[in-house]
Amino acid sequence: MDFTKAIVTIQGTAPYSQSRKHDEPFLEGEAHDDYDRRTWRSKMTVELIDGKRQMCIPPFGMQMAIAEAAKYLRKKIPGQGASTWTAKFTSGISVVGPISLGVNPDDVQCIVVSVNADGKRGSGSRVTRRFPQIPMGWETTFEVLILDPIITETIFREVVEAAGLYKGIGQHRPEKGGSNGRFILTRLQWVDNRTPVLKAA
């Protein structure tokens, strides 16, 4: 089956930080802070692309940002009563990866922040943690398969723009009360591959 394809180019209007869970083992007698200082680069999502290691945005993270933006907008689908676009964007699109940022992970710097020890806001004790972060101005192009033909270029553009403004991606993004990971849509190429349906004479 041929699907419509959206080729999306975005540019970061805020820094982008990652916090991928990893299972790097502790060294014997290693303190938590020393462990974090040694392994913070493992919090990056890295893929081998054309023989080069590159920092990438997880496709599922981008897909969730778009789906959550559709939910946030609460726009109704024309002609479908009270139905909104939420379900359509939750299951009716597929973000194709990897989404490369064109950044060598060895060149990425870290930020040092104070976070809740258990990851829950306002829960009590705080600890120092390091997260990989690249500055604003980052850019990437990725593909999205439009599985549900009811999704038009107009509503797709609106939802992606909302994702960049209100939801963001990565660690400390707006959706979680942060300021990182915001982006703008700089280019959208809409490739409609659907087969025309001939009506009976």
N, C-alpha and C. Protein backbone atom coordinates (compact mmCIF):
# COMPACT_ATOMS: atom_id res chain seq x y z
N MET A 1 0.84 -1.19 0.00
CA MET A 1 0.00 0.00 0.00
C MET A 1 0.89 1.25 0.00
N ASP A 2 0.52 2.22 -0.82
CA ASP A 2 1.27 3.47 -0.88
C ASP A 2 0.63 4.52 0.02
N PHE A 3 1.44 5.15 0.85
CA PHE A 3 0.94 6.16 1.75
C PHE A 3 1.47 7.53 1.36
N THR A 4 0.75 8.55 1.78
CA THR A 4 1.26 9.91 1.64
C THR A 4 2.45 10.05 2.57
N LYS A 5 3.44 10.80 2.11
CA LYS A 5 4.65 11.00 2.89
C LYS A 5 4.85 12.49 3.14
N ALA A 6 5.14 12.86 4.38
CA ALA A 6 5.48 14.23 4.72
C ALA A 6 6.98 14.28 5.02
N ILE A 7 7.71 15.13 4.29
CA ILE A 7 9.14 15.32 4.55
C ILE A 7 9.26 16.63 5.32
N VAL A 8 9.67 16.51 6.58
CA VAL A 8 9.61 17.61 7.53
C VAL A 8 11.01 18.10 7.89
N THR A 9 11.22 19.40 7.81
CA THR A 9 12.46 20.01 8.26
C THR A 9 12.14 20.96 9.41
N ILE A 10 12.83 20.78 10.52
CA ILE A 10 12.62 21.63 11.69
C ILE A 10 13.94 22.23 12.15
N GLN A 11 13.84 23.35 12.86
CA GLN A 11 15.02 24.01 13.42
C GLN A 11 14.76 24.32 14.89
N GLY A 12 15.73 24.05 15.74
CA GLY A 12 15.57 24.25 17.16
C GLY A 12 15.63 25.71 17.56
N THR A 13 14.63 26.16 18.30
CA THR A 13 14.62 27.53 18.83
C THR A 13 15.04 27.55 20.30
N ALA A 14 15.43 26.39 20.80
CA ALA A 14 15.93 26.24 22.16
C ALA A 14 16.94 25.09 22.16
N PRO A 15 17.78 24.99 23.17
CA PRO A 15 18.71 23.85 23.24
C PRO A 15 17.94 22.54 23.27
N TYR A 16 18.63 21.47 22.85
CA TYR A 16 18.02 20.13 22.87
C TYR A 16 18.87 19.24 23.75
N SER A 17 18.24 18.64 24.75
CA SER A 17 18.94 17.81 25.71
C SER A 17 18.32 16.42 25.74
N GLN A 18 19.13 15.41 26.03
CA GLN A 18 18.63 14.03 26.06
C GLN A 18 18.87 13.40 27.42
N SER A 19 18.02 12.40 27.74
CA SER A 19 18.13 11.70 29.03
C SER A 19 17.78 10.23 28.85
N ARG A 20 18.34 9.61 27.83
CA ARG A 20 18.06 8.19 27.55
C ARG A 20 18.48 7.32 28.74
N LYS A 21 17.61 6.39 29.10
CA LYS A 21 17.98 5.44 30.15
C LYS A 21 19.02 4.46 29.61
N HIS A 22 19.99 4.14 30.42
CA HIS A 22 21.02 3.20 29.98
C HIS A 22 21.36 2.26 31.13
N ASP A 23 22.11 1.22 30.80
CA ASP A 23 22.44 0.21 31.81
C ASP A 23 23.95 0.06 32.00
N GLU A 24 24.67 1.17 31.87
CA GLU A 24 26.11 1.13 32.11
C GLU A 24 26.35 0.64 33.54
N PRO A 25 27.22 -0.33 33.73
CA PRO A 25 27.45 -0.85 35.08
C PRO A 25 28.31 0.11 35.93
N PHE A 26 28.08 0.09 37.23
CA PHE A 26 28.93 0.84 38.15
C PHE A 26 30.29 0.15 38.27
N LEU A 27 31.31 0.92 38.48
CA LEU A 27 32.61 0.37 38.81
C LEU A 27 32.64 0.07 40.30
N GLU A 28 33.47 -0.84 40.71
CA GLU A 28 33.54 -1.22 42.12
C GLU A 28 33.86 0.00 42.97
N GLY A 29 33.00 0.27 43.95
CA GLY A 29 33.22 1.38 44.87
C GLY A 29 32.91 2.75 44.29
N GLU A 30 32.32 2.81 43.10
CA GLU A 30 32.08 4.10 42.43
C GLU A 30 30.87 4.80 43.03
N ALA A 31 31.02 6.09 43.38
CA ALA A 31 29.93 6.89 43.91
C ALA A 31 28.98 7.28 42.78
N HIS A 32 27.73 7.61 43.13
CA HIS A 32 26.73 7.96 42.13
C HIS A 32 27.16 9.16 41.30
N ASP A 33 27.73 10.18 41.95
CA ASP A 33 28.14 11.37 41.20
C ASP A 33 29.28 11.05 40.24
N ASP A 34 30.21 10.23 40.66
CA ASP A 34 31.31 9.83 39.78
C ASP A 34 30.79 8.99 38.61
N TYR A 35 29.82 8.14 38.90
CA TYR A 35 29.20 7.31 37.85
C TYR A 35 28.53 8.20 36.82
N ASP A 36 27.78 9.20 37.27
CA ASP A 36 27.08 10.10 36.36
C ASP A 36 28.08 10.92 35.55
N ARG A 37 29.15 11.35 36.18
CA ARG A 37 30.19 12.13 35.49
C ARG A 37 30.85 11.29 34.39
N ARG A 38 30.99 9.99 34.62
CA ARG A 38 31.66 9.11 33.68
C ARG A 38 30.74 8.66 32.54
N THR A 39 29.46 8.52 32.81
CA THR A 39 28.56 7.87 31.85
C THR A 39 27.53 8.79 31.20
N TRP A 40 27.61 10.12 31.40
CA TRP A 40 26.54 10.99 30.90
C TRP A 40 26.37 10.90 29.39
N ARG A 41 27.43 10.58 28.66
CA ARG A 41 27.30 10.46 27.20
C ARG A 41 26.40 9.28 26.81
N SER A 42 26.25 8.33 27.69
CA SER A 42 25.37 7.19 27.40
C SER A 42 23.90 7.58 27.44
N LYS A 43 23.60 8.80 27.89
CA LYS A 43 22.23 9.29 27.89
C LYS A 43 21.81 9.79 26.52
N MET A 44 22.75 9.80 25.56
CA MET A 44 22.43 10.19 24.19
C MET A 44 21.88 9.01 23.39
N THR A 45 21.03 9.33 22.41
CA THR A 45 20.62 8.35 21.42
C THR A 45 21.55 8.49 20.23
N VAL A 46 22.31 7.45 19.94
CA VAL A 46 23.33 7.49 18.90
C VAL A 46 23.09 6.37 17.88
N GLU A 47 23.16 6.72 16.62
CA GLU A 47 23.00 5.73 15.55
C GLU A 47 24.18 5.82 14.59
N LEU A 48 24.47 4.70 13.94
CA LEU A 48 25.52 4.66 12.92
C LEU A 48 24.87 4.93 11.58
N ILE A 49 25.20 6.07 10.97
CA ILE A 49 24.61 6.48 9.70
C ILE A 49 25.72 6.76 8.70
N ASP A 50 25.69 6.04 7.58
CA ASP A 50 26.74 6.17 6.57
C ASP A 50 28.13 6.00 7.18
N GLY A 51 28.23 5.06 8.11
CA GLY A 51 29.51 4.75 8.72
C GLY A 51 29.96 5.72 9.79
N LYS A 52 29.11 6.70 10.15
CA LYS A 52 29.48 7.69 11.16
C LYS A 52 28.48 7.67 12.31
N ARG A 53 29.00 7.75 13.53
CA ARG A 53 28.15 7.83 14.71
C ARG A 53 27.55 9.23 14.78
N GLN A 54 26.22 9.30 14.94
CA GLN A 54 25.56 10.59 14.98
C GLN A 54 24.50 10.62 16.08
N MET A 55 24.40 11.77 16.72
CA MET A 55 23.34 11.98 17.71
C MET A 55 22.01 12.08 16.98
N CYS A 56 20.99 11.37 17.47
CA CYS A 56 19.70 11.32 16.78
C CYS A 56 18.55 11.58 17.75
N ILE A 57 17.46 12.08 17.20
CA ILE A 57 16.22 12.22 17.96
C ILE A 57 15.47 10.88 17.86
N PRO A 58 15.05 10.29 18.96
CA PRO A 58 14.28 9.05 18.88
C PRO A 58 12.99 9.26 18.09
N PRO A 59 12.71 8.47 17.06
CA PRO A 59 11.49 8.65 16.27
C PRO A 59 10.22 8.61 17.11
N PHE A 60 10.19 7.73 18.12
CA PHE A 60 8.99 7.63 18.96
C PHE A 60 8.77 8.90 19.75
N GLY A 61 9.86 9.53 20.19
CA GLY A 61 9.74 10.79 20.92
C GLY A 61 9.12 11.87 20.06
N MET A 62 9.55 11.93 18.79
CA MET A 62 8.98 12.91 17.88
C MET A 62 7.51 12.59 17.59
N GLN A 63 7.21 11.31 17.41
CA GLN A 63 5.83 10.91 17.14
C GLN A 63 4.92 11.28 18.30
N MET A 64 5.39 11.06 19.53
CA MET A 64 4.59 11.40 20.70
C MET A 64 4.39 12.90 20.82
N ALA A 65 5.40 13.68 20.47
CA ALA A 65 5.27 15.14 20.52
C ALA A 65 4.18 15.61 19.57
N ILE A 66 4.14 15.02 18.38
CA ILE A 66 3.12 15.39 17.39
C ILE A 66 1.74 14.95 17.86
N ALA A 67 1.63 13.73 18.37
CA ALA A 67 0.34 13.22 18.84
C ALA A 67 -0.17 14.03 20.02
N GLU A 68 0.73 14.39 20.94
CA GLU A 68 0.32 15.18 22.10
C GLU A 68 -0.10 16.59 21.70
N ALA A 69 0.51 17.11 20.63
CA ALA A 69 0.11 18.43 20.13
C ALA A 69 -1.31 18.39 19.57
N ALA A 70 -1.65 17.31 18.88
CA ALA A 70 -3.01 17.16 18.36
C ALA A 70 -4.01 17.13 19.51
N LYS A 71 -3.65 16.44 20.58
CA LYS A 71 -4.51 16.38 21.77
C LYS A 71 -4.63 17.76 22.41
N TYR A 72 -3.53 18.48 22.48
CA TYR A 72 -3.49 19.81 23.09
C TYR A 72 -4.40 20.79 22.35
N LEU A 73 -4.39 20.72 21.02
CA LEU A 73 -5.18 21.65 20.23
C LEU A 73 -6.69 21.43 20.36
N ARG A 74 -7.07 20.17 20.54
CA ARG A 74 -8.49 19.80 20.73
C ARG A 74 -9.36 20.27 19.57
N LYS A 75 -8.79 20.30 18.38
CA LYS A 75 -9.56 20.72 17.21
C LYS A 75 -10.46 19.59 16.74
N LYS A 76 -11.67 19.93 16.36
CA LYS A 76 -12.62 18.93 15.89
C LYS A 76 -12.42 18.65 14.41
N ILE A 77 -12.69 17.41 14.03
CA ILE A 77 -12.60 17.00 12.63
C ILE A 77 -13.87 17.47 11.92
N PRO A 78 -13.74 18.24 10.85
CA PRO A 78 -14.93 18.71 10.13
C PRO A 78 -15.83 17.55 9.68
N GLY A 79 -17.11 17.67 9.98
CA GLY A 79 -18.07 16.66 9.54
C GLY A 79 -18.14 15.43 10.42
N GLN A 80 -17.40 15.42 11.55
CA GLN A 80 -17.43 14.24 12.43
C GLN A 80 -17.87 14.60 13.86
N GLY A 81 -18.78 15.55 13.95
CA GLY A 81 -19.34 15.90 15.26
C GLY A 81 -18.31 16.39 16.24
N ALA A 82 -18.28 15.75 17.43
CA ALA A 82 -17.37 16.17 18.49
C ALA A 82 -16.01 15.49 18.42
N SER A 83 -15.78 14.64 17.42
CA SER A 83 -14.50 13.93 17.30
C SER A 83 -13.36 14.90 17.01
N THR A 84 -12.25 14.72 17.73
CA THR A 84 -11.07 15.56 17.51
C THR A 84 -10.00 14.76 16.76
N TRP A 85 -8.88 15.44 16.48
CA TRP A 85 -7.80 14.82 15.71
C TRP A 85 -6.89 13.94 16.56
N THR A 86 -7.13 13.86 17.86
CA THR A 86 -6.21 13.15 18.75
C THR A 86 -5.95 11.71 18.30
N ALA A 87 -7.00 10.93 18.12
CA ALA A 87 -6.84 9.52 17.76
C ALA A 87 -6.19 9.37 16.39
N LYS A 88 -6.51 10.28 15.48
CA LYS A 88 -5.95 10.20 14.13
C LYS A 88 -4.43 10.36 14.15
N PHE A 89 -3.94 11.28 14.97
CA PHE A 89 -2.49 11.51 15.03
C PHE A 89 -1.79 10.52 15.96
N THR A 90 -2.55 9.89 16.86
CA THR A 90 -1.95 8.89 17.74
C THR A 90 -1.62 7.61 16.97
N SER A 91 -2.55 7.17 16.12
CA SER A 91 -2.34 5.90 15.41
C SER A 91 -2.28 6.04 13.89
N GLY A 92 -2.52 7.25 13.38
CA GLY A 92 -2.60 7.42 11.93
C GLY A 92 -1.37 7.98 11.26
N ILE A 93 -0.27 8.13 12.02
CA ILE A 93 1.00 8.56 11.43
C ILE A 93 2.12 7.66 11.93
N SER A 94 3.23 7.65 11.20
CA SER A 94 4.41 6.88 11.63
C SER A 94 5.66 7.67 11.27
N VAL A 95 6.38 8.08 12.29
CA VAL A 95 7.63 8.82 12.08
C VAL A 95 8.74 7.84 11.74
N VAL A 96 9.41 8.09 10.63
CA VAL A 96 10.45 7.19 10.14
C VAL A 96 11.82 7.64 10.67
N GLY A 97 12.55 6.72 11.23
CA GLY A 97 13.88 7.05 11.77
C GLY A 97 14.98 6.38 10.99
N PRO A 98 16.23 6.65 11.34
CA PRO A 98 16.64 7.54 12.43
C PRO A 98 16.53 9.02 12.03
N ILE A 99 16.37 9.88 13.05
CA ILE A 99 16.29 11.33 12.81
C ILE A 99 17.64 11.92 13.22
N SER A 100 18.51 12.05 12.25
CA SER A 100 19.87 12.48 12.55
C SER A 100 19.97 13.99 12.74
N LEU A 101 20.76 14.39 13.73
CA LEU A 101 21.04 15.80 13.96
C LEU A 101 22.36 16.22 13.32
N GLY A 102 23.04 15.26 12.71
CA GLY A 102 24.31 15.56 12.06
C GLY A 102 25.40 15.99 13.02
N VAL A 103 25.30 15.53 14.26
CA VAL A 103 26.24 15.93 15.31
C VAL A 103 27.02 14.71 15.77
N ASN A 104 28.34 14.84 15.80
CA ASN A 104 29.19 13.79 16.34
C ASN A 104 29.02 13.76 17.85
N PRO A 105 28.62 12.62 18.42
CA PRO A 105 28.40 12.57 19.88
C PRO A 105 29.62 12.94 20.70
N ASP A 106 30.82 12.77 20.13
CA ASP A 106 32.04 13.14 20.85
C ASP A 106 32.18 14.65 21.00
N ASP A 107 31.45 15.41 20.17
CA ASP A 107 31.52 16.87 20.22
C ASP A 107 30.47 17.49 21.14
N VAL A 108 29.56 16.67 21.66
CA VAL A 108 28.47 17.17 22.49
C VAL A 108 28.98 17.48 23.89
N GLN A 109 28.52 18.62 24.42
CA GLN A 109 28.85 19.01 25.78
C GLN A 109 27.69 18.65 26.71
N CYS A 110 27.93 18.70 28.01
CA CYS A 110 26.87 18.39 28.96
C CYS A 110 26.49 19.62 29.76
N ILE A 111 25.27 19.59 30.30
CA ILE A 111 24.85 20.60 31.26
C ILE A 111 24.77 19.92 32.61
N VAL A 112 25.02 20.67 33.66
CA VAL A 112 24.97 20.14 35.02
C VAL A 112 23.78 20.78 35.72
N VAL A 113 22.85 19.95 36.18
CA VAL A 113 21.63 20.46 36.80
C VAL A 113 21.36 19.74 38.11
N SER A 114 20.56 20.39 38.94
CA SER A 114 20.12 19.79 40.20
C SER A 114 18.72 19.25 39.99
N VAL A 115 18.55 17.95 40.20
CA VAL A 115 17.26 17.29 39.95
C VAL A 115 16.83 16.52 41.19
N ASN A 116 15.53 16.17 41.22
CA ASN A 116 15.03 15.35 42.31
C ASN A 116 15.62 13.95 42.22
N ALA A 117 16.04 13.42 43.34
CA ALA A 117 16.73 12.13 43.37
C ALA A 117 15.89 11.01 42.79
N ASP A 118 14.56 11.06 43.01
CA ASP A 118 13.70 9.99 42.50
C ASP A 118 13.01 10.36 41.20
N GLY A 119 13.36 11.53 40.62
CA GLY A 119 12.77 11.94 39.35
C GLY A 119 11.40 12.56 39.45
N LYS A 120 10.86 12.72 40.67
CA LYS A 120 9.54 13.28 40.87
C LYS A 120 9.65 14.70 41.41
N ARG A 121 9.03 15.63 40.72
CA ARG A 121 9.11 17.03 41.09
C ARG A 121 8.57 17.27 42.50
N GLY A 122 9.35 18.01 43.31
CA GLY A 122 8.92 18.38 44.64
C GLY A 122 8.95 17.25 45.65
N SER A 123 9.66 16.17 45.34
CA SER A 123 9.64 15.00 46.22
C SER A 123 10.64 15.08 47.37
N GLY A 124 11.55 16.05 47.34
CA GLY A 124 12.48 16.15 48.46
C GLY A 124 13.92 16.32 48.04
N SER A 125 14.77 15.35 48.37
CA SER A 125 16.21 15.49 48.17
C SER A 125 16.58 15.66 46.70
N ARG A 126 17.61 16.45 46.47
CA ARG A 126 18.06 16.73 45.10
C ARG A 126 19.51 16.29 44.93
N VAL A 127 19.84 15.94 43.70
CA VAL A 127 21.19 15.48 43.37
C VAL A 127 21.66 16.17 42.10
N THR A 128 22.95 16.16 41.88
CA THR A 128 23.53 16.74 40.67
C THR A 128 23.56 15.70 39.57
N ARG A 129 23.08 16.08 38.39
CA ARG A 129 23.10 15.17 37.25
C ARG A 129 23.55 15.92 36.01
N ARG A 130 24.11 15.17 35.07
CA ARG A 130 24.61 15.74 33.83
C ARG A 130 23.84 15.15 32.64
N PHE A 131 23.51 16.04 31.70
CA PHE A 131 22.76 15.61 30.52
C PHE A 131 23.42 16.18 29.27
N PRO A 132 23.52 15.37 28.21
CA PRO A 132 24.07 15.88 26.95
C PRO A 132 23.13 16.93 26.36
N GLN A 133 23.69 18.02 25.86
CA GLN A 133 22.85 19.09 25.30
C GLN A 133 23.57 19.79 24.16
N ILE A 134 22.81 20.06 23.09
CA ILE A 134 23.34 20.85 21.97
C ILE A 134 22.61 22.19 21.95
N PRO A 135 23.26 23.25 21.49
CA PRO A 135 22.66 24.58 21.54
C PRO A 135 21.53 24.78 20.53
N MET A 136 20.74 25.81 20.74
CA MET A 136 19.68 26.15 19.80
C MET A 136 20.26 26.38 18.41
N GLY A 137 19.41 26.18 17.39
CA GLY A 137 19.88 26.29 16.01
C GLY A 137 20.06 24.95 15.35
N TRP A 138 19.94 23.86 16.13
CA TRP A 138 20.04 22.51 15.56
C TRP A 138 18.95 22.33 14.49
N GLU A 139 19.21 21.46 13.55
CA GLU A 139 18.28 21.27 12.44
C GLU A 139 18.28 19.82 11.98
N THR A 140 17.14 19.36 11.54
CA THR A 140 17.06 18.00 11.02
C THR A 140 15.88 17.87 10.07
N THR A 141 15.97 16.87 9.20
CA THR A 141 14.88 16.55 8.28
C THR A 141 14.51 15.08 8.48
N PHE A 142 13.22 14.81 8.55
CA PHE A 142 12.78 13.43 8.74
C PHE A 142 11.48 13.20 7.98
N GLU A 143 11.10 11.94 7.83
CA GLU A 143 9.90 11.57 7.09
C GLU A 143 8.81 11.05 8.02
N VAL A 144 7.59 11.38 7.66
CA VAL A 144 6.43 10.88 8.39
C VAL A 144 5.48 10.24 7.39
N LEU A 145 5.11 8.99 7.63
CA LEU A 145 4.11 8.33 6.79
C LEU A 145 2.72 8.69 7.31
N ILE A 146 1.87 9.15 6.42
CA ILE A 146 0.50 9.49 6.78
C ILE A 146 -0.37 8.26 6.49
N LEU A 147 -0.64 7.49 7.51
CA LEU A 147 -1.35 6.22 7.35
C LEU A 147 -2.86 6.42 7.21
N ASP A 148 -3.38 7.46 7.85
CA ASP A 148 -4.82 7.74 7.77
C ASP A 148 -5.04 8.86 6.76
N PRO A 149 -5.69 8.56 5.65
CA PRO A 149 -5.83 9.55 4.58
C PRO A 149 -6.69 10.76 4.94
N ILE A 150 -7.37 10.72 6.09
CA ILE A 150 -8.16 11.88 6.48
C ILE A 150 -7.27 13.04 6.92
N ILE A 151 -6.02 12.73 7.27
CA ILE A 151 -5.07 13.77 7.70
C ILE A 151 -4.59 14.53 6.48
N THR A 152 -4.88 15.81 6.44
CA THR A 152 -4.51 16.66 5.31
C THR A 152 -3.21 17.40 5.59
N GLU A 153 -2.64 17.96 4.55
CA GLU A 153 -1.41 18.76 4.71
C GLU A 153 -1.65 19.94 5.65
N THR A 154 -2.82 20.56 5.56
CA THR A 154 -3.11 21.73 6.38
C THR A 154 -3.13 21.40 7.86
N ILE A 155 -3.84 20.34 8.25
CA ILE A 155 -3.92 20.01 9.67
C ILE A 155 -2.59 19.43 10.15
N PHE A 156 -1.89 18.70 9.29
CA PHE A 156 -0.59 18.16 9.69
C PHE A 156 0.38 19.30 10.00
N ARG A 157 0.42 20.30 9.14
CA ARG A 157 1.30 21.45 9.36
C ARG A 157 0.96 22.14 10.68
N GLU A 158 -0.32 22.33 10.93
CA GLU A 158 -0.74 23.01 12.15
C GLU A 158 -0.34 22.24 13.39
N VAL A 159 -0.48 20.92 13.35
CA VAL A 159 -0.15 20.10 14.51
C VAL A 159 1.36 20.06 14.75
N VAL A 160 2.16 19.94 13.70
CA VAL A 160 3.62 19.93 13.86
C VAL A 160 4.09 21.27 14.41
N GLU A 161 3.54 22.35 13.93
CA GLU A 161 3.90 23.67 14.45
C GLU A 161 3.55 23.79 15.94
N ALA A 162 2.40 23.25 16.32
CA ALA A 162 2.01 23.26 17.73
C ALA A 162 2.93 22.38 18.57
N ALA A 163 3.38 21.26 18.00
CA ALA A 163 4.31 20.38 18.71
C ALA A 163 5.59 21.12 19.04
N GLY A 164 6.08 21.89 18.11
CA GLY A 164 7.32 22.63 18.33
C GLY A 164 7.17 23.75 19.34
N LEU A 165 5.99 24.35 19.39
CA LEU A 165 5.75 25.49 20.27
C LEU A 165 5.36 25.07 21.69
N TYR A 166 4.48 24.08 21.80
CA TYR A 166 3.90 23.74 23.10
C TYR A 166 4.44 22.47 23.75
N LYS A 167 4.94 21.53 22.94
CA LYS A 167 5.34 20.23 23.48
C LYS A 167 6.86 20.06 23.53
N GLY A 168 7.52 20.27 22.40
CA GLY A 168 8.97 20.11 22.36
C GLY A 168 9.39 18.66 22.44
N ILE A 169 10.69 18.45 22.45
CA ILE A 169 11.25 17.10 22.51
C ILE A 169 12.42 17.07 23.49
N GLY A 170 12.71 15.89 23.99
CA GLY A 170 13.89 15.70 24.82
C GLY A 170 13.69 16.02 26.29
N GLN A 171 14.82 16.06 26.98
CA GLN A 171 14.84 16.31 28.42
C GLN A 171 14.52 17.78 28.72
N HIS A 172 13.70 18.02 29.74
CA HIS A 172 13.31 19.37 30.18
C HIS A 172 12.55 20.12 29.09
N ARG A 173 11.66 19.41 28.39
CA ARG A 173 10.86 20.02 27.32
C ARG A 173 9.64 20.73 27.91
N PRO A 174 9.01 21.62 27.13
CA PRO A 174 7.85 22.37 27.62
C PRO A 174 6.72 21.49 28.16
N GLU A 175 6.48 20.36 27.53
CA GLU A 175 5.41 19.46 27.97
C GLU A 175 5.59 19.06 29.43
N LYS A 176 6.86 19.03 29.89
CA LYS A 176 7.17 18.64 31.26
C LYS A 176 7.51 19.85 32.13
N GLY A 177 7.15 21.04 31.65
CA GLY A 177 7.40 22.24 32.43
C GLY A 177 8.76 22.88 32.20
N GLY A 178 9.50 22.40 31.21
CA GLY A 178 10.82 22.94 30.92
C GLY A 178 10.82 23.91 29.75
N SER A 179 12.00 24.20 29.25
CA SER A 179 12.14 25.17 28.16
C SER A 179 12.98 24.65 27.01
N ASN A 180 13.52 23.45 27.11
CA ASN A 180 14.35 22.89 26.05
C ASN A 180 13.49 22.24 24.96
N GLY A 181 14.12 22.00 23.81
CA GLY A 181 13.49 21.17 22.79
C GLY A 181 12.42 21.82 21.95
N ARG A 182 12.25 23.13 22.06
CA ARG A 182 11.29 23.80 21.17
C ARG A 182 11.87 23.90 19.77
N PHE A 183 10.98 23.91 18.76
CA PHE A 183 11.43 23.99 17.38
C PHE A 183 10.38 24.65 16.51
N ILE A 184 10.79 25.07 15.33
CA ILE A 184 9.87 25.61 14.34
C ILE A 184 9.94 24.75 13.08
N LEU A 185 8.83 24.71 12.37
CA LEU A 185 8.77 24.01 11.09
C LEU A 185 9.27 24.96 10.01
N THR A 186 10.37 24.59 9.36
CA THR A 186 10.94 25.47 8.33
C THR A 186 10.61 25.03 6.92
N ARG A 187 10.25 23.74 6.75
CA ARG A 187 9.90 23.26 5.42
C ARG A 187 9.06 22.00 5.54
N LEU A 188 8.02 21.92 4.72
CA LEU A 188 7.18 20.73 4.66
C LEU A 188 6.93 20.37 3.20
N GLN A 189 7.37 19.17 2.84
CA GLN A 189 7.11 18.66 1.49
C GLN A 189 6.09 17.54 1.61
N TRP A 190 4.97 17.70 0.93
CA TRP A 190 3.85 16.76 1.02
C TRP A 190 3.81 15.93 -0.26
N VAL A 191 4.09 14.64 -0.13
CA VAL A 191 4.14 13.74 -1.29
C VAL A 191 2.96 12.79 -1.22
N ASP A 192 1.94 13.06 -2.04
CA ASP A 192 0.71 12.26 -2.01
C ASP A 192 0.85 11.07 -2.95
N ASN A 193 1.00 9.88 -2.38
CA ASN A 193 1.21 8.66 -3.17
C ASN A 193 -0.05 7.81 -3.28
N ARG A 194 -1.18 8.36 -2.85
CA ARG A 194 -2.42 7.56 -2.90
C ARG A 194 -2.86 7.32 -4.35
N THR A 195 -3.46 6.17 -4.55
CA THR A 195 -3.94 5.79 -5.88
C THR A 195 -5.29 6.44 -6.15
N PRO A 196 -5.44 7.13 -7.27
CA PRO A 196 -6.74 7.75 -7.59
C PRO A 196 -7.83 6.68 -7.71
N VAL A 197 -9.00 7.02 -7.22
CA VAL A 197 -10.15 6.12 -7.30
C VAL A 197 -11.07 6.60 -8.42
N LEU A 198 -11.29 5.74 -9.39
CA LEU A 198 -12.14 6.10 -10.54
C LEU A 198 -13.60 5.88 -10.19
N LYS A 199 -14.40 6.88 -10.39
CA LYS A 199 -15.82 6.77 -10.13
C LYS A 199 -16.53 6.16 -11.33
N ALA A 200 -17.55 5.38 -11.02
CA ALA A 200 -18.30 4.74 -12.10
C ALA A 200 -19.04 5.80 -12.90
N ALA A 201 -19.12 5.61 -14.22
CA ALA A 201 -19.78 6.58 -15.09
C ALA A 201 -21.29 6.56 -14.83
